[in-house]
Amino acid sequence: MAGRKQIHELLKQLGEDDDLRARMESNPVETLAEFGFKIDPAIAPFRVALPSKEHIRDNTELLAKQIEATSGWVIFAR
């Protein structure tokens, strides 16, 4: 499981980096692995829809808590 530092770095980049956002939406398992998340591909959705960059930036602490509580998956599978 990624630690708090990796979670905040992931959120920071998802709030700014269009390339990372595109990779996350098209290949979430591989992209999350770059930040230390280990997600079983058998239970992961093929694609995800991210919240807006503004939403991520405005709600970083709340999203970080949700990531910690759900091992990184729920906020990306809306």
Protein backbone atom coordinates (compact mmCIF):
# COMPACT_ATOMS: atom_id res chain seq x y z
CA MET A 1 0.00 0.00 0.00
CA ALA A 2 1.22 3.45 -0.82
CA GLY A 3 1.92 5.75 2.08
CA ARG A 4 0.61 9.21 2.78
CA LYS A 5 3.47 10.83 0.83
CA GLN A 6 2.68 8.82 -2.31
CA ILE A 7 -1.04 9.52 -1.95
CA HIS A 8 -0.47 13.27 -1.76
CA GLU A 9 1.95 13.16 -4.70
CA LEU A 10 -0.60 11.21 -6.76
CA LEU A 11 -3.33 13.73 -5.97
CA LYS A 12 -1.05 16.70 -6.64
CA GLN A 13 -0.17 15.34 -10.05
CA LEU A 14 -3.75 14.35 -10.88
CA GLY A 15 -4.72 17.94 -10.12
CA GLU A 16 -2.18 19.27 -12.62
CA ASP A 17 -0.87 16.73 -15.15
CA ASP A 18 -3.08 15.97 -18.17
CA ASP A 19 -0.80 13.15 -19.34
CA LEU A 20 -1.01 11.38 -15.98
CA ARG A 21 -4.78 11.87 -15.94
CA ALA A 22 -5.08 10.29 -19.42
CA ARG A 23 -2.93 7.32 -18.38
CA MET A 24 -4.94 6.89 -15.17
CA GLU A 25 -8.22 6.87 -17.04
CA SER A 26 -7.04 4.38 -19.67
CA ASN A 27 -4.86 2.10 -17.50
CA PRO A 28 -5.55 2.68 -13.81
CA VAL A 29 -3.84 -0.47 -12.47
CA GLU A 30 -0.51 0.29 -14.12
CA THR A 31 -0.66 3.99 -13.32
CA LEU A 32 -1.52 3.43 -9.66
CA ALA A 33 1.39 0.97 -9.45
CA GLU A 34 3.73 3.86 -10.30
CA PHE A 35 2.70 5.39 -6.96
CA GLY A 36 2.96 2.20 -4.91
CA PHE A 37 -0.61 0.92 -5.13
CA LYS A 38 -1.00 -2.79 -5.76
CA ILE A 39 -4.40 -3.42 -7.35
CA ASP A 40 -5.50 -6.86 -8.52
CA PRO A 41 -6.28 -6.45 -12.25
CA ALA A 42 -8.95 -9.14 -11.96
CA ILE A 43 -11.12 -6.88 -9.79
CA ALA A 44 -10.19 -3.51 -11.30
CA PRO A 45 -12.29 -1.70 -13.88
CA PHE A 46 -10.71 -1.47 -17.31
CA ARG A 47 -11.14 2.32 -17.40
CA VAL A 48 -12.06 4.97 -14.84
CA ALA A 49 -13.40 8.53 -14.92
CA LEU A 50 -11.54 11.01 -12.75
CA PRO A 51 -12.99 13.98 -10.93
CA SER A 52 -11.98 17.33 -12.45
CA LYS A 53 -8.54 18.73 -11.73
CA GLU A 54 -10.20 21.52 -9.77
CA HIS A 55 -12.15 19.06 -7.64
CA ILE A 56 -9.00 17.11 -6.85
CA ARG A 57 -7.07 20.27 -5.94
CA ASP A 58 -9.92 21.65 -3.81
CA ASN A 59 -10.51 18.36 -1.95
CA THR A 60 -7.04 16.86 -1.57
CA GLU A 61 -7.32 16.08 2.15
CA LEU A 62 -10.76 14.47 1.84
CA LEU A 63 -9.65 12.44 -1.18
CA ALA A 64 -6.45 11.37 0.60
CA LYS A 65 -8.53 10.03 3.49
CA GLN A 66 -10.79 8.16 1.05
CA ILE A 67 -7.77 6.66 -0.71
CA GLU A 68 -6.31 5.49 2.60
CA ALA A 69 -9.65 3.98 3.65
CA THR A 70 -10.28 2.16 0.36
CA SER A 71 -6.78 1.19 -0.80
CA GLY A 72 -6.97 3.71 -3.59
CA TRP A 73 -9.87 2.52 -5.60
CA VAL A 74 -13.21 4.06 -4.73
CA ILE A 75 -12.53 7.69 -5.66
CA PHE A 76 -11.46 6.68 -9.16
CA ALA A 77 -14.44 4.46 -9.92
CA ARG A 78 -17.25 6.96 -9.86
